[in-house]
């Protein structure tokens, strides 16, 4: 027999940012509880609002199945004496298991004969089990911040005010955080504040709806999207898609009701990112564009109630927004009075990191590094790249960014345009922060890309130089993200960048700051970036063996390394790949054992198979070098594959480890030479 389970945790307002993770955590924890208690169940569904966290489980078994429990004891020779009577050890084991000594059974195992106690365990009822398990489940829900209230030891995201625990129509009685469980919930704080009773879990969602609570977050999202679509139609505009804002707003309200407001069109003269930041990030408003793509002087706010007088609500929101926009306008106009170079000078008073100096010093370092990289990657853009590097952090000292930190880079771009900087510089100032996350937008020009790489390398090298490497639990300077950013920019822009040259130059610029030997820092930084590349490629389903095979030959150029890895990944799908790999691995494994490099002398060959392999190798050696110099790894691998017939014949006809030392060493020299060409592409032994 099964029944549905309902658990509702009623709280004070939980921050919206806590709820999405709580949905995942509550489901995972519930699955663990039911598995541990051996309770069969149907669907587990988590529903959340700012004031309640709800666990719904369908078809939960009424109790555990009875089971036979087997517990192994000591060896038979220890549990019984030679006459077959129980020893003290046997009697003690039986007593501990709650059985009689004569009920012990003998079981054959890999280690010999052992005694075993088998006992039938009667399953407990679900209500009994959950009365103990649910308080533990509730208090185990993790939040990034929790609090205590009154004089209780309990901690939760916000104080708990009521608890519901129903199995079918039966209340599961327990006490948690000084609150006794029951069957009574509470309606919407403003529209239906009275308590109401849940008689059965099946009635829960509808009773909440009647109490003006849309308890299912998915349904609230759907309601909001439907209301937004109706407003779009009425205004003739298009709402800027924002799944993150939709998620946040749905977690702020229990009964969503969208309302339209407007603001003075005069504010549209501000950069649109400023308006969006004020409305989206600070007020949680949805923004709209007209048919031309321009921002409209309207906003949509999602209220938590159906207002008796919507106009009052609209005016209240417009009043708050007006104050915000006036502040933004003032900050913008004040910032325009200050030259960008003056903002740069102010960075001398801003500490980037205590040991690595001020933000101004950091700018000077990565400006020099960016110029170094520009000479190699985009010499014709060197002037603009240098200017971009100098100005890219200027807006950090602006009023606007101090108030609206999400606008860093964006305001620098706008101020640069007003100041008459080239468009390449202005765009580069904005885009040097890119990408801001995994899969994020990448810089569109060399100014942003090269300055971004220089900035990121300076941060990583500096942090490694003062022992601020990321740990499993901490990465305060986002070094993993910055390393991935370097990788993705190089791949996107096809930059043939020598990491060793770039990181070495960075370490030289940081020489007076870092505490570790320069060579150690350079090696550690390159290894760190290599590790992030490995992680990124495995996440994209490239087999780890393929990646390791290429990385084992060396790592300096991200672009050529990835091209080679992709080519090898394609190469392994050849019909004859298994046979090729067997032959190549044999060469690699033999030569790997040799610590001495031998000199090859073709005149010492004693077998036609040796000569054949040597001639075949000589025919392709130059071709491989030419193909690799052109980064044509597919063709180079195909050329290497042409050796297979000669390699197979060699191993079939020739004993490499001949008794004659001179012959043996000459044959090893031949294989070492071939292995050396293989290693220009990959270490096939890693596959």
Foldseek 3Di string as FASTA:
>chain_A
DFFKKKKKWFFAFFALVFPVVLQVLLVVLVVVLCVVLQWDWDDWGWWAARGMTMIITHGIDFWHAKDKDKDWAAAQCQQAPPVGHGDPRLCVVCVVVVHHSVQWDWDQDPVGITTMHIDIGHIDGPLVSCQPVVLVSQQPRDGPDWDADDPDPGIDSGDTDAMEIDGAQDGRWHAHSNYTYDFKDAADVPQQGDIDGDRGPVCPCVVNVVSQFNRHLVVLLVVVVVQVVVVCVVVQWAWDDDVVLSSNLSRHAGHKDKDKEFADCVLLVPPVVLVCLLCCVVVSWIWIAHPVRRTGRMIMDIDRDDDPDSVVVRVVVRVVSVVSSVQLVVLLVVQLVDDLLVLLVVQQVAAPDPLQHTPNLLLVLLLVLLLVLCVQFPVVCSVLLSVLSSRLQSCVSGPNCVVRVVCRLVSSLVSCVVVPHDNLSSQLSNQLCPPVAVVRDHRPDSSNLSSNLSSLLLVLLLCVLAVNDADPVDDPPPNLGSLVNNLVSCQVSVGQFFLLVSNLSSCVSSVVRGDDDSVVSSVVSQVSSLVSVLVVVVVVVQDSLLLQFLCVLDDTGSNLSVLLSVLVSVVCPDPCNVLLLVLLLVLLVVLVVDPDQFDADVVPDDDVLLVVLLVLCVVCLVVLVVCVVVSVNNVSVVSLSVSSVSSVVCVVPDDLCDPDPVSNRNSNNSSVVNNVSVSVRTSSNSD
